């Protein structure tokens, strides 16, 4: 039985695509027999949100934001809590892109914990010297994190091929169907029959079983 700790910059009730997919994945994990518990470390992106809450068997721990860097939010209290949380877990699941990717992976490796990074998007910023520097730091830190991680996951084979970072790590990367991500109404709007068949196949088969094996 594995105790999973998820590290994510944003989480429910934040509801962008990146936050929604990790929330749905976390919900799927708590239902698996191989998983004993799933807890989440995330930023308190709104002041009204309570610091600790249980939602659908997920233990959500929110930490006060200390610093805003462009789109990223940094919490010193979350960083201080990371060693304790990682030490008590069996598996660390990082929702990427994340400001916490590299420190989480380094700590997990020091404590000899399994690390899975769910990468949902490369950082792409507007033109400009400062933005180029931020993007370079992002790429460098995530490349190191990807190298140290045990497994990498993304949501489609297409993104695995076209990401700026993931093609360098194809041997340990897989695409994973997230339960609930493909709604029937979306499938009905797809005009390309071959693409529609591929989406249906992903919905029906997926690789959630592989994911549960990876975290055990």
C-alpha atoms as a PDB file:
ATOM      1  CA  UNK A   1       0.000   0.000   0.000  1.00  0.00           C
ATOM      2  CA  UNK A   2       1.457   3.332  -1.063  1.00  0.00           C
ATOM      3  CA  UNK A   3       1.085   6.715   0.554  1.00  0.00           C
ATOM      4  CA  UNK A   4       1.122   9.304  -2.207  1.00  0.00           C
ATOM      5  CA  UNK A   5       2.016  12.974  -1.756  1.00  0.00           C
ATOM      6  CA  UNK A   6       1.090  15.309  -4.598  1.00  0.00           C
ATOM      7  CA  UNK A   7       2.967  18.592  -5.007  1.00  0.00           C
ATOM      8  CA  UNK A   8       1.114  21.107  -7.156  1.00  0.00           C
ATOM      9  CA  UNK A   9       1.334  24.892  -7.461  1.00  0.00           C
ATOM     10  CA  UNK A  10      -2.443  25.052  -7.895  1.00  0.00           C
ATOM     11  CA  UNK A  11      -5.184  22.665  -6.865  1.00  0.00           C
ATOM     12  CA  UNK A  12      -8.938  22.515  -6.323  1.00  0.00           C
ATOM     13  CA  UNK A  13     -10.899  24.798  -6.236  1.00  0.00           C
ATOM     14  CA  UNK A  14      -8.537  26.447  -8.726  1.00  0.00           C
ATOM     15  CA  UNK A  15      -9.958  25.165 -12.003  1.00  0.00           C
ATOM     16  CA  UNK A  16      -7.631  25.669 -14.952  1.00  0.00           C
ATOM     17  CA  UNK A  17      -6.861  22.664 -17.147  1.00  0.00           C
ATOM     18  CA  UNK A  18      -3.663  21.865 -15.243  1.00  0.00           C
ATOM     19  CA  UNK A  19      -5.397  21.991 -11.845  1.00  0.00           C
ATOM     20  CA  UNK A  20      -8.445  20.079 -13.071  1.00  0.00           C
ATOM     21  CA  UNK A  21      -6.466  17.168 -14.530  1.00  0.00           C
ATOM     22  CA  UNK A  22      -4.353  16.623 -11.391  1.00  0.00           C
ATOM     23  CA  UNK A  23      -7.536  16.780  -9.278  1.00  0.00           C
ATOM     24  CA  UNK A  24      -9.186  14.104 -11.442  1.00  0.00           C
ATOM     25  CA  UNK A  25      -6.047  11.962 -11.319  1.00  0.00           C
ATOM     26  CA  UNK A  26      -5.895  12.298  -7.523  1.00  0.00           C
ATOM     27  CA  UNK A  27      -9.550  11.258  -7.284  1.00  0.00           C
ATOM     28  CA  UNK A  28      -8.814   8.183  -9.391  1.00  0.00           C
ATOM     29  CA  UNK A  29      -5.832   7.262  -7.222  1.00  0.00           C
ATOM     30  CA  UNK A  30      -7.713   7.263  -3.892  1.00  0.00           C
ATOM     31  CA  UNK A  31     -10.011   4.579  -5.312  1.00  0.00           C
ATOM     32  CA  UNK A  32      -7.129   2.194  -6.056  1.00  0.00           C
ATOM     33  CA  UNK A  33      -6.401  -0.725  -3.743  1.00  0.00           C
ATOM     34  CA  UNK A  34      -2.652  -0.158  -4.043  1.00  0.00           C
ATOM     35  CA  UNK A  35      -2.996   3.364  -2.572  1.00  0.00           C
ATOM     36  CA  UNK A  36      -3.565   3.868   1.160  1.00  0.00           C
ATOM     37  CA  UNK A  37      -3.808   7.671   1.130  1.00  0.00           C
ATOM     38  CA  UNK A  38      -3.344  10.707  -1.093  1.00  0.00           C
ATOM     39  CA  UNK A  39      -2.364  14.089   0.324  1.00  0.00           C
ATOM     40  CA  UNK A  40      -1.765  17.320  -1.568  1.00  0.00           C
ATOM     41  CA  UNK A  41       0.671  20.158  -0.894  1.00  0.00           C
ATOM     42  CA  UNK A  42      -0.313  23.334  -2.703  1.00  0.00           C
ATOM     43  CA  UNK A  43      -0.345  27.116  -2.534  1.00  0.00           C
ATOM     44  CA  UNK A  44      -3.147  28.947  -0.767  1.00  0.00           C
ATOM     45  CA  UNK A  45      -3.917  30.898  -3.928  1.00  0.00           C
ATOM     46  CA  UNK A  46      -6.888  32.677  -2.325  1.00  0.00           C
ATOM     47  CA  UNK A  47      -6.834  34.018   1.249  1.00  0.00           C
ATOM     48  CA  UNK A  48     -10.327  32.705   2.064  1.00  0.00           C
ATOM     49  CA  UNK A  49      -9.305  29.063   1.504  1.00  0.00           C
ATOM     50  CA  UNK A  50      -8.735  27.041   4.675  1.00  0.00           C
ATOM     51  CA  UNK A  51      -5.233  25.654   5.140  1.00  0.00           C
ATOM     52  CA  UNK A  52      -6.395  22.062   5.616  1.00  0.00           C
ATOM     53  CA  UNK A  53      -9.406  20.362   4.093  1.00  0.00           C
ATOM     54  CA  UNK A  54     -10.522  16.874   3.099  1.00  0.00           C
ATOM     55  CA  UNK A  55     -12.259  16.679  -0.295  1.00  0.00           C
ATOM     56  CA  UNK A  56     -13.324  13.336  -1.767  1.00  0.00           C
ATOM     57  CA  UNK A  57     -10.864  11.490   0.507  1.00  0.00           C
ATOM     58  CA  UNK A  58      -8.047  13.813  -0.567  1.00  0.00           C
ATOM     59  CA  UNK A  59      -6.133  15.571   2.211  1.00  0.00           C
ATOM     60  CA  UNK A  60      -5.477  19.063   0.866  1.00  0.00           C
ATOM     61  CA  UNK A  61      -2.815  21.143   2.651  1.00  0.00           C
ATOM     62  CA  UNK A  62      -2.577  24.761   1.535  1.00  0.00           C
ATOM     63  CA  UNK A  63       0.333  27.061   2.374  1.00  0.00           C
ATOM     64  CA  UNK A  64       0.373  30.841   2.404  1.00  0.00           C
ATOM     65  CA  UNK A  65       1.978  32.432  -0.656  1.00  0.00           C
ATOM     66  CA  UNK A  66       5.145  34.383   0.182  1.00  0.00           C
ATOM     67  CA  UNK A  67       6.220  35.627  -3.233  1.00  0.00           C
ATOM     68  CA  UNK A  68       4.811  36.099  -6.733  1.00  0.00           C
ATOM     69  CA  UNK A  69       7.201  35.558  -9.645  1.00  0.00           C
ATOM     70  CA  UNK A  70       5.466  36.265 -12.954  1.00  0.00           C
ATOM     71  CA  UNK A  71       2.796  33.513 -13.076  1.00  0.00           C
ATOM     72  CA  UNK A  72       4.440  31.472 -10.337  1.00  0.00           C
ATOM     73  CA  UNK A  73       3.632  31.656  -6.632  1.00  0.00           C
ATOM     74  CA  UNK A  74       6.171  30.632  -3.997  1.00  0.00           C
ATOM     75  CA  UNK A  75       5.407  29.558  -0.431  1.00  0.00           C
ATOM     76  CA  UNK A  76       8.323  29.376   1.995  1.00  0.00           C
ATOM     77  CA  UNK A  77       6.145  27.460   4.457  1.00  0.00           C
ATOM     78  CA  UNK A  78       5.417  24.812   1.814  1.00  0.00           C
ATOM     79  CA  UNK A  79       9.129  24.477   1.097  1.00  0.00           C
ATOM     80  CA  UNK A  80       9.835  24.074   4.823  1.00  0.00           C
ATOM     81  CA  UNK A  81       7.155  21.388   5.077  1.00  0.00           C
ATOM     82  CA  UNK A  82       8.387  19.428   2.052  1.00  0.00           C
ATOM     83  CA  UNK A  83      11.063  17.322   3.859  1.00  0.00           C
ATOM     84  CA  UNK A  84       8.586  16.108   6.500  1.00  0.00           C
ATOM     85  CA  UNK A  85       5.883  15.267   3.965  1.00  0.00           C
ATOM     86  CA  UNK A  86       8.272  13.498   1.600  1.00  0.00           C
ATOM     87  CA  UNK A  87       9.895  11.512   4.379  1.00  0.00           C
ATOM     88  CA  UNK A  88       6.494  10.118   5.407  1.00  0.00           C
ATOM     89  CA  UNK A  89       5.410   9.200   1.857  1.00  0.00           C
ATOM     90  CA  UNK A  90       6.182   6.289  -0.447  1.00  0.00           C
ATOM     91  CA  UNK A  91       5.623   8.103  -3.728  1.00  0.00           C
ATOM     92  CA  UNK A  92       5.932  11.770  -4.694  1.00  0.00           C
ATOM     93  CA  UNK A  93       3.753  12.891  -7.593  1.00  0.00           C
ATOM     94  CA  UNK A  94       4.693  16.329  -8.947  1.00  0.00           C
ATOM     95  CA  UNK A  95       2.253  18.286 -11.085  1.00  0.00           C
ATOM     96  CA  UNK A  96       4.452  20.057 -13.617  1.00  0.00           C
ATOM     97  CA  UNK A  97       5.138  22.808 -14.512  1.00  0.00           C
ATOM     98  CA  UNK A  98       5.864  23.699 -10.906  1.00  0.00           C
ATOM     99  CA  UNK A  99       8.136  26.039  -9.007  1.00  0.00           C
ATOM    100  CA  UNK A 100       8.605  23.126  -6.585  1.00  0.00           C
ATOM    101  CA  UNK A 101       9.653  20.469  -9.119  1.00  0.00           C
ATOM    102  CA  UNK A 102      13.392  20.514  -8.544  1.00  0.00           C
ATOM    103  CA  UNK A 103      13.451  20.846  -4.722  1.00  0.00           C
ATOM    104  CA  UNK A 104      10.787  18.112  -4.455  1.00  0.00           C
ATOM    105  CA  UNK A 105      12.748  15.696  -6.635  1.00  0.00           C
ATOM    106  CA  UNK A 106      16.039  16.353  -4.849  1.00  0.00           C
ATOM    107  CA  UNK A 107      14.476  15.780  -1.425  1.00  0.00           C
ATOM    108  CA  UNK A 108      12.692  12.655  -2.638  1.00  0.00           C
ATOM    109  CA  UNK A 109      15.933  11.189  -3.958  1.00  0.00           C
ATOM    110  CA  UNK A 110      17.720  12.003  -0.691  1.00  0.00           C
ATOM    111  CA  UNK A 111      15.014  10.082   1.181  1.00  0.00           C
ATOM    112  CA  UNK A 112      15.031   7.319  -1.480  1.00  0.00           C
ATOM    113  CA  UNK A 113      11.418   7.835  -2.503  1.00  0.00           C
ATOM    114  CA  UNK A 114       9.865   7.086  -5.867  1.00  0.00           C
ATOM    115  CA  UNK A 115       9.142  10.184  -7.982  1.00  0.00           C
ATOM    116  CA  UNK A 116       6.602  10.564 -10.778  1.00  0.00           C
ATOM    117  CA  UNK A 117       6.299  13.866 -12.643  1.00  0.00           C
ATOM    118  CA  UNK A 118       3.048  14.590 -14.464  1.00  0.00           C
ATOM    119  CA  UNK A 119       4.142  17.189 -17.015  1.00  0.00           C
ATOM    120  CA  UNK A 120       1.306  19.156 -18.580  1.00  0.00           C
ATOM    121  CA  UNK A 121       3.025  22.001 -20.357  1.00  0.00           C
ATOM    122  CA  UNK A 122       6.284  23.767 -21.099  1.00  0.00           C
ATOM    123  CA  UNK A 123       6.619  27.364 -20.003  1.00  0.00           C
ATOM    124  CA  UNK A 124       6.147  29.734 -22.960  1.00  0.00           C
ATOM    125  CA  UNK A 125       6.441  33.449 -22.203  1.00  0.00           C
ATOM    126  CA  UNK A 126       6.223  36.565 -24.422  1.00  0.00           C
ATOM    127  CA  UNK A 127       9.398  37.929 -25.988  1.00  0.00           C
ATOM    128  CA  UNK A 128      11.767  39.899 -23.789  1.00  0.00           C
ATOM    129  CA  UNK A 129      15.098  39.483 -22.026  1.00  0.00           C
ATOM    130  CA  UNK A 130      13.652  38.873 -18.547  1.00  0.00           C
ATOM    131  CA  UNK A 131      11.112  36.369 -19.866  1.00  0.00           C
ATOM    132  CA  UNK A 132      13.847  34.540 -21.767  1.00  0.00           C
ATOM    133  CA  UNK A 133      15.858  34.294 -18.544  1.00  0.00           C
ATOM    134  CA  UNK A 134      12.838  32.954 -16.628  1.00  0.00           C
ATOM    135  CA  UNK A 135      12.158  30.435 -19.387  1.00  0.00           C
ATOM    136  CA  UNK A 136      15.798  29.320 -19.375  1.00  0.00           C
ATOM    137  CA  UNK A 137      15.736  28.769 -15.598  1.00  0.00           C
ATOM    138  CA  UNK A 138      12.464  26.859 -15.940  1.00  0.00           C
ATOM    139  CA  UNK A 139      13.881  24.587 -18.653  1.00  0.00           C
ATOM    140  CA  UNK A 140      17.139  23.952 -16.795  1.00  0.00           C
ATOM    141  CA  UNK A 141      15.475  23.118 -13.474  1.00  0.00           C
ATOM    142  CA  UNK A 142      12.864  20.866 -15.076  1.00  0.00           C
ATOM    143  CA  UNK A 143      15.413  19.040 -17.207  1.00  0.00           C
ATOM    144  CA  UNK A 144      17.319  18.160 -14.024  1.00  0.00           C
ATOM    145  CA  UNK A 145      14.078  17.156 -12.295  1.00  0.00           C
ATOM    146  CA  UNK A 146      13.045  14.983 -15.260  1.00  0.00           C
ATOM    147  CA  UNK A 147      16.448  13.323 -15.300  1.00  0.00           C
ATOM    148  CA  UNK A 148      16.234  12.447 -11.593  1.00  0.00           C
ATOM    149  CA  UNK A 149      12.582  11.315 -11.648  1.00  0.00           C
ATOM    150  CA  UNK A 150      11.710   7.622 -11.879  1.00  0.00           C
ATOM    151  CA  UNK A 151       8.830   8.118 -14.313  1.00  0.00           C
ATOM    152  CA  UNK A 152       7.399  10.928 -16.428  1.00  0.00           C
ATOM    153  CA  UNK A 153       3.755  11.111 -17.457  1.00  0.00           C
ATOM    154  CA  UNK A 154       1.874  13.334 -19.869  1.00  0.00           C
ATOM    155  CA  UNK A 155      -1.640  13.231 -21.270  1.00  0.00           C
ATOM    156  CA  UNK A 156      -1.142  12.458 -24.990  1.00  0.00           C
ATOM    157  CA  UNK A 157       1.438  10.819 -27.242  1.00  0.00           C
ATOM    158  CA  UNK A 158       1.265  13.933 -29.415  1.00  0.00           C
ATOM    159  CA  UNK A 159       2.457  16.166 -26.590  1.00  0.00           C
ATOM    160  CA  UNK A 160       5.179  13.650 -25.734  1.00  0.00           C
ATOM    161  CA  UNK A 161       6.500  14.115 -29.266  1.00  0.00           C
ATOM    162  CA  UNK A 162       6.136  17.906 -29.448  1.00  0.00           C
ATOM    163  CA  UNK A 163       7.030  19.141 -25.977  1.00  0.00           C
ATOM    164  CA  UNK A 164      10.222  21.173 -25.769  1.00  0.00           C
ATOM    165  CA  UNK A 165      11.500  18.984 -22.892  1.00  0.00           C
ATOM    166  CA  UNK A 166       9.853  15.543 -22.899  1.00  0.00           C
ATOM    167  CA  UNK A 167      11.373  14.050 -26.109  1.00  0.00           C
ATOM    168  CA  UNK A 168      14.729  13.885 -24.311  1.00  0.00           C
ATOM    169  CA  UNK A 169      13.207  11.367 -21.879  1.00  0.00           C
ATOM    170  CA  UNK A 170      11.023   9.163 -24.094  1.00  0.00           C
ATOM    171  CA  UNK A 171      12.353   5.956 -22.533  1.00  0.00           C
ATOM    172  CA  UNK A 172      10.716   6.710 -19.171  1.00  0.00           C
ATOM    173  CA  UNK A 173       7.717   8.752 -20.319  1.00  0.00           C
ATOM    174  CA  UNK A 174       4.210   7.497 -21.006  1.00  0.00           C
ATOM    175  CA  UNK A 175       0.900   9.118 -21.877  1.00  0.00           C
ATOM    176  CA  UNK A 176      -1.937   8.586 -19.429  1.00  0.00           C
ATOM    177  CA  UNK A 177      -5.666   8.880 -19.898  1.00  0.00           C
ATOM    178  CA  UNK A 178      -7.083  10.896 -17.006  1.00  0.00           C
ATOM    179  CA  UNK A 179     -10.556   9.615 -16.052  1.00  0.00           C
ATOM    180  CA  UNK A 180     -13.170  12.274 -16.771  1.00  0.00           C
ATOM    181  CA  UNK A 181     -11.005  14.460 -19.013  1.00  0.00           C
ATOM    182  CA  UNK A 182     -12.676  13.453 -22.294  1.00  0.00           C
ATOM    183  CA  UNK A 183     -16.384  14.237 -22.077  1.00  0.00           C
ATOM    184  CA  UNK A 184     -18.859  12.680 -24.556  1.00  0.00           C
ATOM    185  CA  UNK A 185     -19.910  16.136 -25.753  1.00  0.00           C
ATOM    186  CA  UNK A 186     -16.309  16.887 -26.706  1.00  0.00           C
ATOM    187  CA  UNK A 187     -15.995  13.618 -28.625  1.00  0.00           C
ATOM    188  CA  UNK A 188     -19.209  14.315 -30.557  1.00  0.00           C
ATOM    189  CA  UNK A 189     -17.763  17.631 -31.754  1.00  0.00           C
ATOM    190  CA  UNK A 190     -14.674  15.978 -33.261  1.00  0.00           C
ATOM    191  CA  UNK A 191     -15.106  15.843 -37.042  1.00  0.00           C
ATOM    192  CA  UNK A 192     -12.085  13.675 -37.894  1.00  0.00           C
ATOM    193  CA  UNK A 193     -13.291  10.050 -37.571  1.00  0.00           C
ATOM    194  CA  UNK A 194      -9.793   8.646 -37.108  1.00  0.00           C
ATOM    195  CA  UNK A 195      -9.054  11.156 -34.335  1.00  0.00           C
ATOM    196  CA  UNK A 196     -12.433  10.389 -32.745  1.00  0.00           C
ATOM    197  CA  UNK A 197     -11.574   6.680 -32.720  1.00  0.00           C
ATOM    198  CA  UNK A 198      -8.241   7.419 -31.060  1.00  0.00           C
ATOM    199  CA  UNK A 199      -9.936   9.495 -28.350  1.00  0.00           C
ATOM    200  CA  UNK A 200     -12.499   6.758 -27.708  1.00  0.00           C
ATOM    201  CA  UNK A 201      -9.723   4.184 -27.431  1.00  0.00           C
ATOM    202  CA  UNK A 202      -7.985   6.365 -24.848  1.00  0.00           C
ATOM    203  CA  UNK A 203     -11.190   6.659 -22.869  1.00  0.00           C
ATOM    204  CA  UNK A 204     -11.835   2.918 -22.911  1.00  0.00           C
ATOM    205  CA  UNK A 205      -8.348   1.573 -22.267  1.00  0.00           C
ATOM    206  CA  UNK A 206      -6.036   4.230 -20.872  1.00  0.00           C
ATOM    207  CA  UNK A 207      -3.022   3.470 -18.695  1.00  0.00           C
ATOM    208  CA  UNK A 208      -4.296   4.023 -15.183  1.00  0.00           C
ATOM    209  CA  UNK A 209      -3.387   0.418 -14.366  1.00  0.00           C
ATOM    210  CA  UNK A 210       0.226   1.127 -15.373  1.00  0.00           C
ATOM    211  CA  UNK A 211       0.235   4.241 -13.218  1.00  0.00           C
ATOM    212  CA  UNK A 212      -0.975   2.288 -10.172  1.00  0.00           C
ATOM    213  CA  UNK A 213       1.729  -0.299 -10.811  1.00  0.00           C
ATOM    214  CA  UNK A 214       4.345   2.465 -11.026  1.00  0.00           C
ATOM    215  CA  UNK A 215       3.441   3.930  -7.649  1.00  0.00           C
ATOM    216  CA  UNK A 216       3.371   0.589  -5.840  1.00  0.00           C
END
